[in-house]
Amino acid sequence: MAKKSTTKGGVTVTLVKSPIGFNKAQAKVVQGMGLRRIRHSVTLPDTAETHGMIHKVRHLVKVG
């Protein structure tokens, strides 16, 4: 599951693989997380919804 980051109770997520060629729903999840390009990182709140989004695209992102 997602690892917790020490930055103000949030989870830092980095896009490491392009969503092109994968299910379009996964691309929408990546976009919904605020990730725009490879190696782009965002800090998201540590909630169950965020954990679900990370789980859905776990092969495209790195958490930490």
PDB file of N, CA and C in Angstrom:
ATOM      1  N   MET A   1       0.839  -1.170   0.000  1.00  0.00           N
ATOM      2  CA  MET A   1       0.000   0.000   0.000  1.00  0.00           C
ATOM      3  C   MET A   1       0.888   1.238   0.000  1.00  0.00           C
ATOM      4  N   ALA A   2       0.306   2.384   0.095  1.00  0.00           N
ATOM      5  CA  ALA A   2       1.036   3.634   0.020  1.00  0.00           C
ATOM      6  C   ALA A   2       1.839   3.877   1.289  1.00  0.00           C
ATOM      7  N   LYS A   3       3.034   4.389   1.095  1.00  0.00           N
ATOM      8  CA  LYS A   3       3.871   4.749   2.229  1.00  0.00           C
ATOM      9  C   LYS A   3       3.555   6.172   2.644  1.00  0.00           C
ATOM     10  N   LYS A   4       3.632   6.428   3.920  1.00  0.00           N
ATOM     11  CA  LYS A   4       3.372   7.778   4.402  1.00  0.00           C
ATOM     12  C   LYS A   4       4.643   8.614   4.286  1.00  0.00           C
ATOM     13  N   SER A   5       4.478   9.833   3.863  1.00  0.00           N
ATOM     14  CA  SER A   5       5.573  10.768   3.772  1.00  0.00           C
ATOM     15  C   SER A   5       5.578  11.652   5.023  1.00  0.00           C
ATOM     16  N   THR A   6       6.703  12.279   5.287  1.00  0.00           N
ATOM     17  CA  THR A   6       6.805  13.116   6.476  1.00  0.00           C
ATOM     18  C   THR A   6       6.440  14.566   6.191  1.00  0.00           C
ATOM     19  N   THR A   7       5.951  14.873   4.989  1.00  0.00           N
ATOM     20  CA  THR A   7       5.639  16.254   4.639  1.00  0.00           C
ATOM     21  C   THR A   7       4.201  16.594   4.998  1.00  0.00           C
ATOM     22  N   LYS A   8       3.993  17.073   6.204  1.00  0.00           N
ATOM     23  CA  LYS A   8       2.712  17.591   6.693  1.00  0.00           C
ATOM     24  C   LYS A   8       1.566  16.602   6.536  1.00  0.00           C
ATOM     25  N   GLY A   9       1.786  15.355   6.876  1.00  0.00           N
ATOM     26  CA  GLY A   9       0.721  14.377   6.854  1.00  0.00           C
ATOM     27  C   GLY A   9       0.228  14.008   5.474  1.00  0.00           C
ATOM     28  N   GLY A  10       1.009  14.274   4.456  1.00  0.00           N
ATOM     29  CA  GLY A  10       0.597  13.961   3.096  1.00  0.00           C
ATOM     30  C   GLY A  10       1.393  12.811   2.521  1.00  0.00           C
ATOM     31  N   VAL A  11       1.008  12.394   1.322  1.00  0.00           N
ATOM     32  CA  VAL A  11       1.690  11.330   0.600  1.00  0.00           C
ATOM     33  C   VAL A  11       2.254  11.944  -0.675  1.00  0.00           C
ATOM     34  N   THR A  12       3.543  11.779  -0.913  1.00  0.00           N
ATOM     35  CA  THR A  12       4.168  12.301  -2.123  1.00  0.00           C
ATOM     36  C   THR A  12       4.144  11.215  -3.185  1.00  0.00           C
ATOM     37  N   VAL A  13       3.570  11.550  -4.343  1.00  0.00           N
ATOM     38  CA  VAL A  13       3.422  10.606  -5.440  1.00  0.00           C
ATOM     39  C   VAL A  13       4.150  11.166  -6.651  1.00  0.00           C
ATOM     40  N   THR A  14       4.945  10.314  -7.330  1.00  0.00           N
ATOM     41  CA  THR A  14       5.699  10.713  -8.508  1.00  0.00           C
ATOM     42  C   THR A  14       5.322   9.807  -9.669  1.00  0.00           C
ATOM     43  N   LEU A  15       5.033  10.401 -10.821  1.00  0.00           N
ATOM     44  CA  LEU A  15       4.734   9.635 -12.023  1.00  0.00           C
ATOM     45  C   LEU A  15       6.050   9.142 -12.621  1.00  0.00           C
ATOM     46  N   VAL A  16       6.203   7.832 -12.766  1.00  0.00           N
ATOM     47  CA  VAL A  16       7.449   7.271 -13.292  1.00  0.00           C
ATOM     48  C   VAL A  16       7.267   6.596 -14.647  1.00  0.00           C
ATOM     49  N   LYS A  17       6.017   6.367 -15.052  1.00  0.00           N
ATOM     50  CA  LYS A  17       5.758   5.730 -16.335  1.00  0.00           C
ATOM     51  C   LYS A  17       4.546   6.403 -16.977  1.00  0.00           C
ATOM     52  N   SER A  18       4.594   6.560 -18.276  1.00  0.00           N
ATOM     53  CA  SER A  18       3.518   7.227 -18.993  1.00  0.00           C
ATOM     54  C   SER A  18       2.246   6.378 -19.007  1.00  0.00           C
ATOM     55  N   PRO A  19       1.087   7.013 -18.829  1.00  0.00           N
ATOM     56  CA  PRO A  19      -0.167   6.269 -18.903  1.00  0.00           C
ATOM     57  C   PRO A  19      -0.612   5.968 -20.338  1.00  0.00           C
ATOM     58  N   ILE A  20       0.130   6.424 -21.331  1.00  0.00           N
ATOM     59  CA  ILE A  20      -0.209   6.141 -22.722  1.00  0.00           C
ATOM     60  C   ILE A  20      -0.073   4.633 -22.959  1.00  0.00           C
ATOM     61  N   GLY A  21      -1.078   4.058 -23.568  1.00  0.00           N
ATOM     62  CA  GLY A  21      -1.064   2.625 -23.845  1.00  0.00           C
ATOM     63  C   GLY A  21      -1.758   1.808 -22.770  1.00  0.00           C
ATOM     64  N   PHE A  22      -2.162   2.446 -21.696  1.00  0.00           N
ATOM     65  CA  PHE A  22      -2.900   1.766 -20.641  1.00  0.00           C
ATOM     66  C   PHE A  22      -4.365   2.181 -20.728  1.00  0.00           C
ATOM     67  N   ASN A  23      -5.165   1.619 -19.867  1.00  0.00           N
ATOM     68  CA  ASN A  23      -6.589   1.913 -19.819  1.00  0.00           C
ATOM     69  C   ASN A  23      -6.820   3.423 -19.655  1.00  0.00           C
ATOM     70  N   LYS A  24      -7.789   3.962 -20.372  1.00  0.00           N
ATOM     71  CA  LYS A  24      -8.056   5.404 -20.290  1.00  0.00           C
ATOM     72  C   LYS A  24      -8.499   5.826 -18.896  1.00  0.00           C
ATOM     73  N   ALA A  25      -9.137   4.930 -18.166  1.00  0.00           N
ATOM     74  CA  ALA A  25      -9.545   5.249 -16.799  1.00  0.00           C
ATOM     75  C   ALA A  25      -8.326   5.494 -15.918  1.00  0.00           C
ATOM     76  N   GLN A  26      -7.247   4.768 -16.183  1.00  0.00           N
ATOM     77  CA  GLN A  26      -6.020   4.975 -15.414  1.00  0.00           C
ATOM     78  C   GLN A  26      -5.403   6.332 -15.737  1.00  0.00           C
ATOM     79  N   ALA A  27      -5.493   6.756 -16.985  1.00  0.00           N
ATOM     80  CA  ALA A  27      -4.992   8.077 -17.359  1.00  0.00           C
ATOM     81  C   ALA A  27      -5.799   9.162 -16.654  1.00  0.00           C
ATOM     82  N   LYS A  28      -7.101   8.950 -16.505  1.00  0.00           N
ATOM     83  CA  LYS A  28      -7.944   9.917 -15.792  1.00  0.00           C
ATOM     84  C   LYS A  28      -7.576   9.968 -14.314  1.00  0.00           C
ATOM     85  N   VAL A  29      -7.239   8.843 -13.726  1.00  0.00           N
ATOM     86  CA  VAL A  29      -6.824   8.819 -12.319  1.00  0.00           C
ATOM     87  C   VAL A  29      -5.524   9.598 -12.152  1.00  0.00           C
ATOM     88  N   VAL A  30      -4.570   9.381 -13.055  1.00  0.00           N
ATOM     89  CA  VAL A  30      -3.294  10.111 -12.998  1.00  0.00           C
ATOM     90  C   VAL A  30      -3.553  11.604 -13.113  1.00  0.00           C
ATOM     91  N   GLN A  31      -4.421  11.997 -14.032  1.00  0.00           N
ATOM     92  CA  GLN A  31      -4.763  13.407 -14.206  1.00  0.00           C
ATOM     93  C   GLN A  31      -5.466  13.943 -12.958  1.00  0.00           C
ATOM     94  N   GLY A  32      -6.343  13.149 -12.374  1.00  0.00           N
ATOM     95  CA  GLY A  32      -7.058  13.559 -11.177  1.00  0.00           C
ATOM     96  C   GLY A  32      -6.149  13.741  -9.972  1.00  0.00           C
ATOM     97  N   MET A  33      -5.032  13.032  -9.963  1.00  0.00           N
ATOM     98  CA  MET A  33      -4.062  13.180  -8.882  1.00  0.00           C
ATOM     99  C   MET A  33      -3.216  14.448  -9.061  1.00  0.00           C
ATOM    100  N   GLY A  34      -3.312  15.069 -10.231  1.00  0.00           N
ATOM    101  CA  GLY A  34      -2.560  16.291 -10.478  1.00  0.00           C
ATOM    102  C   GLY A  34      -1.206  16.054 -11.110  1.00  0.00           C
ATOM    103  N   LEU A  35      -0.951  14.839 -11.575  1.00  0.00           N
ATOM    104  CA  LEU A  35       0.324  14.522 -12.216  1.00  0.00           C
ATOM    105  C   LEU A  35       0.239  14.853 -13.692  1.00  0.00           C
ATOM    106  N   ARG A  36       1.215  15.610 -14.188  1.00  0.00           N
ATOM    107  CA  ARG A  36       1.159  16.096 -15.564  1.00  0.00           C
ATOM    108  C   ARG A  36       2.173  15.437 -16.488  1.00  0.00           C
ATOM    109  N   ARG A  37       3.333  15.076 -15.977  1.00  0.00           N
ATOM    110  CA  ARG A  37       4.385  14.531 -16.830  1.00  0.00           C
ATOM    111  C   ARG A  37       5.251  13.578 -16.019  1.00  0.00           C
ATOM    112  N   ILE A  38       6.073  12.827 -16.693  1.00  0.00           N
ATOM    113  CA  ILE A  38       6.956  11.872 -16.022  1.00  0.00           C
ATOM    114  C   ILE A  38       7.924  12.646 -15.122  1.00  0.00           C
ATOM    115  N   ARG A  39       8.162  12.108 -13.930  1.00  0.00           N
ATOM    116  CA  ARG A  39       8.997  12.677 -12.865  1.00  0.00           C
ATOM    117  C   ARG A  39       8.361  13.901 -12.210  1.00  0.00           C
ATOM    118  N   HIS A  40       7.081  14.133 -12.429  1.00  0.00           N
ATOM    119  CA  HIS A  40       6.354  15.198 -11.746  1.00  0.00           C
ATOM    120  C   HIS A  40       5.837  14.640 -10.433  1.00  0.00           C
ATOM    121  N   SER A  41       6.043  15.365  -9.346  1.00  0.00           N
ATOM    122  CA  SER A  41       5.626  14.919  -8.017  1.00  0.00           C
ATOM    123  C   SER A  41       4.584  15.854  -7.434  1.00  0.00           C
ATOM    124  N   VAL A  42       3.641  15.275  -6.709  1.00  0.00           N
ATOM    125  CA  VAL A  42       2.636  16.047  -5.995  1.00  0.00           C
ATOM    126  C   VAL A  42       2.483  15.446  -4.600  1.00  0.00           C
ATOM    127  N   THR A  43       2.083  16.281  -3.656  1.00  0.00           N
ATOM    128  CA  THR A  43       1.792  15.811  -2.306  1.00  0.00           C
ATOM    129  C   THR A  43       0.285  15.846  -2.131  1.00  0.00           C
ATOM    130  N   LEU A  44      -0.269  14.689  -1.824  1.00  0.00           N
ATOM    131  CA  LEU A  44      -1.710  14.533  -1.681  1.00  0.00           C
ATOM    132  C   LEU A  44      -2.045  14.235  -0.226  1.00  0.00           C
ATOM    133  N   PRO A  45      -3.269  14.545   0.202  1.00  0.00           N
ATOM    134  CA  PRO A  45      -3.661  14.230   1.580  1.00  0.00           C
ATOM    135  C   PRO A  45      -3.680  12.726   1.810  1.00  0.00           C
ATOM    136  N   ASP A  46      -3.384  12.317   3.014  1.00  0.00           N
ATOM    137  CA  ASP A  46      -3.301  10.901   3.357  1.00  0.00           C
ATOM    138  C   ASP A  46      -4.692  10.387   3.733  1.00  0.00           C
ATOM    139  N   THR A  47      -5.518  10.117   2.708  1.00  0.00           N
ATOM    140  CA  THR A  47      -6.892   9.674   2.929  1.00  0.00           C
ATOM    141  C   THR A  47      -7.116   8.332   2.236  1.00  0.00           C
ATOM    142  N   ALA A  48      -8.232   7.704   2.530  1.00  0.00           N
ATOM    143  CA  ALA A  48      -8.576   6.429   1.898  1.00  0.00           C
ATOM    144  C   ALA A  48      -8.771   6.604   0.389  1.00  0.00           C
ATOM    145  N   GLU A  49      -9.312   7.734  -0.022  1.00  0.00           N
ATOM    146  CA  GLU A  49      -9.517   7.987  -1.447  1.00  0.00           C
ATOM    147  C   GLU A  49      -8.191   8.063  -2.189  1.00  0.00           C
ATOM    148  N   THR A  50      -7.222   8.742  -1.587  1.00  0.00           N
ATOM    149  CA  THR A  50      -5.900   8.852  -2.192  1.00  0.00           C
ATOM    150  C   THR A  50      -5.244   7.482  -2.289  1.00  0.00           C
ATOM    151  N   HIS A  51      -5.372   6.678  -1.252  1.00  0.00           N
ATOM    152  CA  HIS A  51      -4.795   5.340  -1.262  1.00  0.00           C
ATOM    153  C   HIS A  51      -5.428   4.487  -2.369  1.00  0.00           C
ATOM    154  N   GLY A  52      -6.722   4.651  -2.596  1.00  0.00           N
ATOM    155  CA  GLY A  52      -7.397   3.926  -3.664  1.00  0.00           C
ATOM    156  C   GLY A  52      -6.908   4.343  -5.040  1.00  0.00           C
ATOM    157  N   MET A  53      -6.681   5.634  -5.222  1.00  0.00           N
ATOM    158  CA  MET A  53      -6.163   6.127  -6.507  1.00  0.00           C
ATOM    159  C   MET A  53      -4.753   5.598  -6.747  1.00  0.00           C
ATOM    160  N   ILE A  54      -3.933   5.616  -5.715  1.00  0.00           N
ATOM    161  CA  ILE A  54      -2.564   5.109  -5.842  1.00  0.00           C
ATOM    162  C   ILE A  54      -2.591   3.622  -6.175  1.00  0.00           C
ATOM    163  N   HIS A  55      -3.475   2.882  -5.539  1.00  0.00           N
ATOM    164  CA  HIS A  55      -3.557   1.445  -5.789  1.00  0.00           C
ATOM    165  C   HIS A  55      -3.959   1.153  -7.238  1.00  0.00           C
ATOM    166  N   LYS A  56      -4.832   1.978  -7.801  1.00  0.00           N
ATOM    167  CA  LYS A  56      -5.308   1.753  -9.163  1.00  0.00           C
ATOM    168  C   LYS A  56      -4.202   1.963 -10.196  1.00  0.00           C
ATOM    169  N   VAL A  57      -3.265   2.876  -9.927  1.00  0.00           N
ATOM    170  CA  VAL A  57      -2.187   3.164 -10.896  1.00  0.00           C
ATOM    171  C   VAL A  57      -0.811   2.870 -10.282  1.00  0.00           C
ATOM    172  N   ARG A  58      -0.745   1.868  -9.416  1.00  0.00           N
ATOM    173  CA  ARG A  58       0.496   1.570  -8.691  1.00  0.00           C
ATOM    174  C   ARG A  58       1.647   1.180  -9.623  1.00  0.00           C
ATOM    175  N   HIS A  59       1.350   0.729 -10.844  1.00  0.00           N
ATOM    176  CA  HIS A  59       2.389   0.370 -11.795  1.00  0.00           C
ATOM    177  C   HIS A  59       2.934   1.587 -12.545  1.00  0.00           C
ATOM    178  N   LEU A  60       2.308   2.753 -12.352  1.00  0.00           N
ATOM    179  CA  LEU A  60       2.734   3.970 -13.051  1.00  0.00           C
ATOM    180  C   LEU A  60       3.399   4.984 -12.119  1.00  0.00           C
ATOM    181  N   VAL A  61       3.219   4.830 -10.821  1.00  0.00           N
ATOM    182  CA  VAL A  61       3.688   5.850  -9.872  1.00  0.00           C
ATOM    183  C   VAL A  61       4.641   5.248  -8.840  1.00  0.00           C
ATOM    184  N   LYS A  62       5.373   6.161  -8.200  1.00  0.00           N
ATOM    185  CA  LYS A  62       6.223   5.807  -7.071  1.00  0.00           C
ATOM    186  C   LYS A  62       5.762   6.649  -5.895  1.00  0.00           C
ATOM    187  N   VAL A  63       5.669   6.027  -4.740  1.00  0.00           N
ATOM    188  CA  VAL A  63       5.201   6.711  -3.532  1.00  0.00           C
ATOM    189  C   VAL A  63       6.363   6.857  -2.582  1.00  0.00           C
ATOM    190  N   GLY A  64       6.482   8.058  -2.031  1.00  0.00           N
ATOM    191  CA  GLY A  64       7.535   8.224  -1.050  1.00  0.00           C
ATOM    192  C   GLY A  64       8.081   9.611  -0.971  1.00  0.00           C
TER     193      GLY A  64
END
